[in-house]
Amino acid sequence: MRQSAVSFQTEGLTFEGVVAQPDDSSGPWPGVVICHPHPLHGGNIDNNVVLALALGLAEEGFVTLRFNFRGVGGSEGEHTKGEQEHQEVLGALDLIKAWPDTNQKTGLTGYSFGTSVILGHSELYGEADAIVLVSPSFRAIEGTPLKESEVPVLITTGDRDKLVDSTQLDAELSSFSQRPRFELFEGVDHFWYGQEARLVPEVGRFLAEQLK
């Protein structure tokens, strides 16, 4: 696997990220952008779930880009509670699509706060061929414009996640025009510590089905 530090600009701000990809020459591969959890609670590109997905998917034949939202690490700007953060997601999608080793298929993945950014902004849906939401909040799903989209969606959460009622979440999915695939992980809470290895293959299978 190869990793490359990158930067990109959106709306006059510069953002930092890391691209991971297979180190062989069998590409091009689908690209996947990964959005990290809440910046005010320590979320960044080195989060355990983000890192597991970024590196694990690269080993499974994807080019991944994880990036820091505004105000995190070396990324410019200030946190806006998810109101403006979709702008850097669009910039990240542009970067991964222009990467020399990616093909025409692109996935968008978020974890926790990252899912709220995705769920809150319909501008993102036309830029992705598949969306993965890891441990989204019920509130974000309840009012999301993603319900009207035809893009394939995978939602995963743990049955011990105190921030998400999985039973309530499952019932809400029937209100989507195209019902998302829903995977519930037993014994997993919101933070996935020690359980990341269970998550990556499920996400990889879904993205392979949709993007390869």
C-alpha atoms as a PDB file:
ATOM      1  CA  MET A   1       0.000   0.000   0.000  1.00  0.00           C
ATOM      2  CA  ARG A   2       1.134   3.528  -0.797  1.00  0.00           C
ATOM      3  CA  GLN A   3       0.122   6.627   1.146  1.00  0.00           C
ATOM      4  CA  SER A   4       0.490  10.201  -0.051  1.00  0.00           C
ATOM      5  CA  ALA A   5      -0.046  13.427   1.892  1.00  0.00           C
ATOM      6  CA  VAL A   6      -2.211  15.785  -0.165  1.00  0.00           C
ATOM      7  CA  SER A   7      -3.851  19.185   0.058  1.00  0.00           C
ATOM      8  CA  PHE A   8      -6.725  20.765  -1.814  1.00  0.00           C
ATOM      9  CA  GLN A   9      -8.547  24.066  -1.845  1.00  0.00           C
ATOM     10  CA  THR A  10     -12.256  24.792  -1.547  1.00  0.00           C
ATOM     11  CA  GLU A  11     -13.939  28.170  -1.139  1.00  0.00           C
ATOM     12  CA  GLY A  12     -10.582  29.846  -0.456  1.00  0.00           C
ATOM     13  CA  LEU A  13      -9.549  27.407   2.298  1.00  0.00           C
ATOM     14  CA  THR A  14      -6.821  24.763   2.150  1.00  0.00           C
ATOM     15  CA  PHE A  15      -7.462  21.278   3.513  1.00  0.00           C
ATOM     16  CA  GLU A  16      -5.066  18.460   4.306  1.00  0.00           C
ATOM     17  CA  GLY A  17      -5.584  14.783   3.648  1.00  0.00           C
ATOM     18  CA  VAL A  18      -3.965  11.419   2.957  1.00  0.00           C
ATOM     19  CA  VAL A  19      -4.528   9.216  -0.087  1.00  0.00           C
ATOM     20  CA  ALA A  20      -3.990   5.463   0.340  1.00  0.00           C
ATOM     21  CA  GLN A  21      -3.925   3.049  -2.575  1.00  0.00           C
ATOM     22  CA  PRO A  22      -2.720  -0.412  -3.587  1.00  0.00           C
ATOM     23  CA  ASP A  23       0.979  -0.463  -4.420  1.00  0.00           C
ATOM     24  CA  ASP A  24       0.611  -2.665  -7.495  1.00  0.00           C
ATOM     25  CA  SER A  25      -0.093  -1.511 -11.044  1.00  0.00           C
ATOM     26  CA  SER A  26      -3.440  -3.243 -11.573  1.00  0.00           C
ATOM     27  CA  GLY A  27      -5.474  -0.014 -11.423  1.00  0.00           C
ATOM     28  CA  PRO A  28      -7.269   2.198 -12.027  1.00  0.00           C
ATOM     29  CA  TRP A  29      -9.449   1.620  -8.980  1.00  0.00           C
ATOM     30  CA  PRO A  30     -12.633   3.191  -7.566  1.00  0.00           C
ATOM     31  CA  GLY A  31     -12.054   6.167  -5.282  1.00  0.00           C
ATOM     32  CA  VAL A  32     -13.554   6.509  -1.804  1.00  0.00           C
ATOM     33  CA  VAL A  33     -13.706   9.685   0.310  1.00  0.00           C
ATOM     34  CA  ILE A  34     -13.928   9.156   4.091  1.00  0.00           C
ATOM     35  CA  CYS A  35     -15.347  11.818   6.459  1.00  0.00           C
ATOM     36  CA  HIS A  36     -14.213  11.766  10.092  1.00  0.00           C
ATOM     37  CA  PRO A  37     -16.190  12.130  13.373  1.00  0.00           C
ATOM     38  CA  HIS A  38     -16.849  15.279  15.386  1.00  0.00           C
ATOM     39  CA  PRO A  39     -13.941  17.773  15.427  1.00  0.00           C
ATOM     40  CA  LEU A  40     -14.878  19.127  18.861  1.00  0.00           C
ATOM     41  CA  HIS A  41     -14.617  15.645  20.363  1.00  0.00           C
ATOM     42  CA  GLY A  42     -11.212  14.779  18.923  1.00  0.00           C
ATOM     43  CA  GLY A  43     -12.350  13.549  15.506  1.00  0.00           C
ATOM     44  CA  ASN A  44      -9.736  13.657  12.749  1.00  0.00           C
ATOM     45  CA  ILE A  45      -8.147  11.577   9.983  1.00  0.00           C
ATOM     46  CA  ASP A  46      -6.362   9.387  12.550  1.00  0.00           C
ATOM     47  CA  ASN A  47      -9.603   8.240  14.202  1.00  0.00           C
ATOM     48  CA  ASN A  48      -9.684   4.452  14.650  1.00  0.00           C
ATOM     49  CA  VAL A  49     -12.677   3.896  12.344  1.00  0.00           C
ATOM     50  CA  VAL A  50     -11.459   6.314   9.671  1.00  0.00           C
ATOM     51  CA  LEU A  51      -7.979   4.806   9.641  1.00  0.00           C
ATOM     52  CA  ALA A  52      -9.294   1.235   9.550  1.00  0.00           C
ATOM     53  CA  LEU A  53     -11.545   2.031   6.594  1.00  0.00           C
ATOM     54  CA  ALA A  54      -8.919   4.040   4.714  1.00  0.00           C
ATOM     55  CA  LEU A  55      -6.197   1.400   4.975  1.00  0.00           C
ATOM     56  CA  GLY A  56      -8.471  -1.631   4.843  1.00  0.00           C
ATOM     57  CA  LEU A  57     -10.252  -0.491   1.694  1.00  0.00           C
ATOM     58  CA  ALA A  58      -6.931   0.356   0.030  1.00  0.00           C
ATOM     59  CA  GLU A  59      -5.866  -3.244   0.620  1.00  0.00           C
ATOM     60  CA  GLU A  60      -9.104  -4.371  -1.045  1.00  0.00           C
ATOM     61  CA  GLY A  61      -8.501  -2.433  -4.249  1.00  0.00           C
ATOM     62  CA  PHE A  62      -9.769   1.101  -3.650  1.00  0.00           C
ATOM     63  CA  VAL A  63      -8.052   4.488  -3.601  1.00  0.00           C
ATOM     64  CA  THR A  64      -9.107   6.202  -0.368  1.00  0.00           C
ATOM     65  CA  LEU A  65      -8.904   9.822   0.695  1.00  0.00           C
ATOM     66  CA  ARG A  66      -9.304  10.778   4.325  1.00  0.00           C
ATOM     67  CA  PHE A  67      -9.137  14.491   5.084  1.00  0.00           C
ATOM     68  CA  ASN A  68      -9.427  16.855   8.025  1.00  0.00           C
ATOM     69  CA  PHE A  69     -12.504  19.053   8.187  1.00  0.00           C
ATOM     70  CA  ARG A  70     -12.039  22.819   8.602  1.00  0.00           C
ATOM     71  CA  GLY A  71     -10.249  23.832  11.769  1.00  0.00           C
ATOM     72  CA  VAL A  72      -8.799  20.357  12.347  1.00  0.00           C
ATOM     73  CA  GLY A  73      -5.058  19.649  12.180  1.00  0.00           C
ATOM     74  CA  GLY A  74      -3.548  21.552   9.267  1.00  0.00           C
ATOM     75  CA  SER A  75      -6.881  22.311   7.593  1.00  0.00           C
ATOM     76  CA  GLU A  76      -7.812  25.988   7.519  1.00  0.00           C
ATOM     77  CA  GLY A  77     -11.050  27.595   8.662  1.00  0.00           C
ATOM     78  CA  GLU A  78     -13.287  27.164  11.699  1.00  0.00           C
ATOM     79  CA  HIS A  79     -15.819  24.517  12.662  1.00  0.00           C
ATOM     80  CA  THR A  80     -19.370  25.421  11.562  1.00  0.00           C
ATOM     81  CA  LYS A  81     -21.402  22.601  13.167  1.00  0.00           C
ATOM     82  CA  GLY A  82     -21.803  20.879   9.806  1.00  0.00           C
ATOM     83  CA  GLU A  83     -23.289  23.859   7.999  1.00  0.00           C
ATOM     84  CA  GLN A  84     -20.332  24.500   5.664  1.00  0.00           C
ATOM     85  CA  GLU A  85     -18.343  21.290   5.996  1.00  0.00           C
ATOM     86  CA  HIS A  86     -19.941  19.822   2.875  1.00  0.00           C
ATOM     87  CA  GLN A  87     -17.796  22.231   0.852  1.00  0.00           C
ATOM     88  CA  GLU A  88     -14.621  20.366   1.743  1.00  0.00           C
ATOM     89  CA  VAL A  89     -16.367  17.073   1.040  1.00  0.00           C
ATOM     90  CA  LEU A  90     -17.030  18.333  -2.501  1.00  0.00           C
ATOM     91  CA  GLY A  91     -13.379  19.367  -2.773  1.00  0.00           C
ATOM     92  CA  ALA A  92     -12.258  15.947  -1.583  1.00  0.00           C
ATOM     93  CA  LEU A  93     -14.508  14.255  -4.133  1.00  0.00           C
ATOM     94  CA  ASP A  94     -13.014  16.423  -6.873  1.00  0.00           C
ATOM     95  CA  LEU A  95      -9.500  15.449  -5.774  1.00  0.00           C
ATOM     96  CA  ILE A  96     -10.151  11.712  -5.688  1.00  0.00           C
ATOM     97  CA  LYS A  97     -11.862  11.803  -9.091  1.00  0.00           C
ATOM     98  CA  ALA A  98      -8.842  13.592 -10.589  1.00  0.00           C
ATOM     99  CA  TRP A  99      -6.334  11.216  -8.949  1.00  0.00           C
ATOM    100  CA  PRO A 100      -4.321   9.430 -11.682  1.00  0.00           C
ATOM    101  CA  ASP A 101      -5.113   5.922 -10.417  1.00  0.00           C
ATOM    102  CA  THR A 102      -8.897   6.208  -9.984  1.00  0.00           C
ATOM    103  CA  ASN A 103     -11.582   5.225 -12.471  1.00  0.00           C
ATOM    104  CA  GLN A 104     -15.023   6.756 -12.991  1.00  0.00           C
ATOM    105  CA  LYS A 105     -16.623   5.250  -9.860  1.00  0.00           C
ATOM    106  CA  THR A 106     -16.592   7.058  -6.502  1.00  0.00           C
ATOM    107  CA  GLY A 107     -17.828   6.161  -3.029  1.00  0.00           C
ATOM    108  CA  LEU A 108     -18.540   8.526  -0.128  1.00  0.00           C
ATOM    109  CA  THR A 109     -18.244   7.288   3.449  1.00  0.00           C
ATOM    110  CA  GLY A 110     -18.862   9.025   6.756  1.00  0.00           C
ATOM    111  CA  TYR A 111     -18.569   8.055  10.404  1.00  0.00           C
ATOM    112  CA  SER A 112     -20.629   9.747  13.159  1.00  0.00           C
ATOM    113  CA  PHE A 113     -20.356  13.526  12.536  1.00  0.00           C
ATOM    114  CA  GLY A 114     -19.156  12.723   9.024  1.00  0.00           C
ATOM    115  CA  THR A 115     -22.494  11.039   8.310  1.00  0.00           C
ATOM    116  CA  SER A 116     -24.372  14.123   9.514  1.00  0.00           C
ATOM    117  CA  VAL A 117     -22.522  16.273   6.978  1.00  0.00           C
ATOM    118  CA  ILE A 118     -23.440  13.814   4.215  1.00  0.00           C
ATOM    119  CA  LEU A 119     -27.046  13.407   5.333  1.00  0.00           C
ATOM    120  CA  GLY A 120     -27.585  17.153   5.578  1.00  0.00           C
ATOM    121  CA  HIS A 121     -26.444  18.172   2.090  1.00  0.00           C
ATOM    122  CA  SER A 122     -28.070  16.921  -1.102  1.00  0.00           C
ATOM    123  CA  GLU A 123     -25.348  18.634  -3.177  1.00  0.00           C
ATOM    124  CA  LEU A 124     -23.151  15.630  -2.415  1.00  0.00           C
ATOM    125  CA  TYR A 125     -25.398  12.895  -3.764  1.00  0.00           C
ATOM    126  CA  GLY A 126     -24.872  13.545  -7.453  1.00  0.00           C
ATOM    127  CA  GLU A 127     -21.113  13.295  -6.918  1.00  0.00           C
ATOM    128  CA  ALA A 128     -21.105   9.768  -5.456  1.00  0.00           C
ATOM    129  CA  ASP A 129     -22.020   6.372  -6.911  1.00  0.00           C
ATOM    130  CA  ALA A 130     -22.468   4.799  -3.469  1.00  0.00           C
ATOM    131  CA  ILE A 131     -22.712   6.092   0.105  1.00  0.00           C
ATOM    132  CA  VAL A 132     -21.759   4.372   3.366  1.00  0.00           C
ATOM    133  CA  LEU A 133     -22.925   5.756   6.730  1.00  0.00           C
ATOM    134  CA  VAL A 134     -21.246   4.340   9.849  1.00  0.00           C
ATOM    135  CA  SER A 135     -23.045   5.043  13.147  1.00  0.00           C
ATOM    136  CA  PRO A 136     -25.264   7.910  11.943  1.00  0.00           C
ATOM    137  CA  SER A 137     -27.541   9.743  14.352  1.00  0.00           C
ATOM    138  CA  PHE A 138     -31.280   9.114  14.157  1.00  0.00           C
ATOM    139  CA  ARG A 139     -31.956  12.852  13.949  1.00  0.00           C
ATOM    140  CA  ALA A 140     -29.745  13.219  10.870  1.00  0.00           C
ATOM    141  CA  ILE A 141     -31.453  10.306   9.118  1.00  0.00           C
ATOM    142  CA  GLU A 142     -34.942  11.437  10.069  1.00  0.00           C
ATOM    143  CA  GLY A 143     -34.751  14.706   8.134  1.00  0.00           C
ATOM    144  CA  THR A 144     -32.271  13.859   5.386  1.00  0.00           C
ATOM    145  CA  PRO A 145     -32.822  14.723   1.708  1.00  0.00           C
ATOM    146  CA  LEU A 146     -31.008  11.451   0.971  1.00  0.00           C
ATOM    147  CA  LYS A 147     -34.450   9.825   1.280  1.00  0.00           C
ATOM    148  CA  GLU A 148     -35.269  11.174  -2.189  1.00  0.00           C
ATOM    149  CA  SER A 149     -32.017  10.018  -3.800  1.00  0.00           C
ATOM    150  CA  GLU A 150     -31.502   6.881  -5.871  1.00  0.00           C
ATOM    151  CA  VAL A 151     -27.845   6.452  -4.879  1.00  0.00           C
ATOM    152  CA  PRO A 152     -27.189   3.065  -3.209  1.00  0.00           C
ATOM    153  CA  VAL A 153     -26.671   3.408   0.559  1.00  0.00           C
ATOM    154  CA  LEU A 154     -25.275   1.144   3.284  1.00  0.00           C
ATOM    155  CA  ILE A 155     -25.945   2.042   6.927  1.00  0.00           C
ATOM    156  CA  THR A 156     -24.067   0.238   9.699  1.00  0.00           C
ATOM    157  CA  THR A 157     -24.343   0.651  13.439  1.00  0.00           C
ATOM    158  CA  GLY A 158     -23.819  -1.322  16.640  1.00  0.00           C
ATOM    159  CA  ASP A 159     -26.532  -2.695  18.904  1.00  0.00           C
ATOM    160  CA  ARG A 160     -24.784  -1.125  21.914  1.00  0.00           C
ATOM    161  CA  ASP A 161     -24.587   2.358  20.417  1.00  0.00           C
ATOM    162  CA  LYS A 162     -26.088   4.639  23.065  1.00  0.00           C
ATOM    163  CA  LEU A 163     -26.275   7.520  20.577  1.00  0.00           C
ATOM    164  CA  VAL A 164     -28.421   5.586  18.096  1.00  0.00           C
ATOM    165  CA  ASP A 165     -31.480   3.424  18.731  1.00  0.00           C
ATOM    166  CA  SER A 166     -30.981   0.733  16.079  1.00  0.00           C
ATOM    167  CA  THR A 167     -34.624  -0.420  16.267  1.00  0.00           C
ATOM    168  CA  GLN A 168     -35.862   3.105  15.660  1.00  0.00           C
ATOM    169  CA  LEU A 169     -33.295   3.543  12.904  1.00  0.00           C
ATOM    170  CA  ASP A 170     -34.325   0.372  11.079  1.00  0.00           C
ATOM    171  CA  ALA A 171     -37.975   1.465  11.057  1.00  0.00           C
ATOM    172  CA  GLU A 172     -37.049   4.873   9.621  1.00  0.00           C
ATOM    173  CA  LEU A 173     -35.379   3.316   6.582  1.00  0.00           C
ATOM    174  CA  SER A 174     -38.735   2.414   5.039  1.00  0.00           C
ATOM    175  CA  SER A 175     -39.251   6.127   4.333  1.00  0.00           C
ATOM    176  CA  PHE A 176     -36.391   6.139   1.793  1.00  0.00           C
ATOM    177  CA  SER A 177     -37.375   5.963  -1.872  1.00  0.00           C
ATOM    178  CA  GLN A 178     -34.643   3.341  -2.232  1.00  0.00           C
ATOM    179  CA  ARG A 179     -34.311   1.538   1.094  1.00  0.00           C
ATOM    180  CA  PRO A 180     -30.690   1.468   2.295  1.00  0.00           C
ATOM    181  CA  ARG A 181     -28.983  -1.767   3.171  1.00  0.00           C
ATOM    182  CA  PHE A 182     -28.808  -1.946   6.969  1.00  0.00           C
ATOM    183  CA  GLU A 183     -26.221  -3.963   8.890  1.00  0.00           C
ATOM    184  CA  LEU A 184     -26.417  -4.197  12.685  1.00  0.00           C
ATOM    185  CA  PHE A 185     -23.290  -5.358  14.531  1.00  0.00           C
ATOM    186  CA  GLU A 186     -23.792  -7.212  17.803  1.00  0.00           C
ATOM    187  CA  GLY A 187     -21.679  -6.132  20.761  1.00  0.00           C
ATOM    188  CA  VAL A 188     -20.546  -2.884  19.116  1.00  0.00           C
ATOM    189  CA  ASP A 189     -20.964   0.598  20.610  1.00  0.00           C
ATOM    190  CA  HIS A 190     -20.603   3.993  18.926  1.00  0.00           C
ATOM    191  CA  PHE A 191     -16.811   3.995  19.010  1.00  0.00           C
ATOM    192  CA  TRP A 192     -16.005   0.569  17.472  1.00  0.00           C
ATOM    193  CA  TYR A 193     -12.852   0.109  19.565  1.00  0.00           C
ATOM    194  CA  GLY A 194     -11.458  -3.345  18.848  1.00  0.00           C
ATOM    195  CA  GLN A 195     -14.284  -4.037  16.377  1.00  0.00           C
ATOM    196  CA  GLU A 196     -12.960  -2.188  13.329  1.00  0.00           C
ATOM    197  CA  ALA A 197     -11.882  -5.416  11.631  1.00  0.00           C
ATOM    198  CA  ARG A 198     -15.518  -6.521  11.506  1.00  0.00           C
ATOM    199  CA  LEU A 199     -16.612  -3.299   9.850  1.00  0.00           C
ATOM    200  CA  VAL A 200     -14.120  -3.062   6.993  1.00  0.00           C
ATOM    201  CA  PRO A 201     -15.081  -6.274   5.122  1.00  0.00           C
ATOM    202  CA  GLU A 202     -18.786  -5.348   5.199  1.00  0.00           C
ATOM    203  CA  VAL A 203     -18.097  -1.885   3.804  1.00  0.00           C
ATOM    204  CA  GLY A 204     -15.667  -3.345   1.266  1.00  0.00           C
ATOM    205  CA  ARG A 205     -18.214  -5.861  -0.016  1.00  0.00           C
ATOM    206  CA  PHE A 206     -20.876  -3.203  -0.462  1.00  0.00           C
ATOM    207  CA  LEU A 207     -18.552  -0.803  -2.254  1.00  0.00           C
ATOM    208  CA  ALA A 208     -17.202  -3.577  -4.482  1.00  0.00           C
ATOM    209  CA  GLU A 209     -20.763  -4.481  -5.506  1.00  0.00           C
ATOM    210  CA  GLN A 210     -21.586  -0.876  -6.354  1.00  0.00           C
ATOM    211  CA  LEU A 211     -18.302   0.415  -7.761  1.00  0.00           C
ATOM    212  CA  LYS A 212     -16.479  -2.544  -9.346  1.00  0.00           C
END
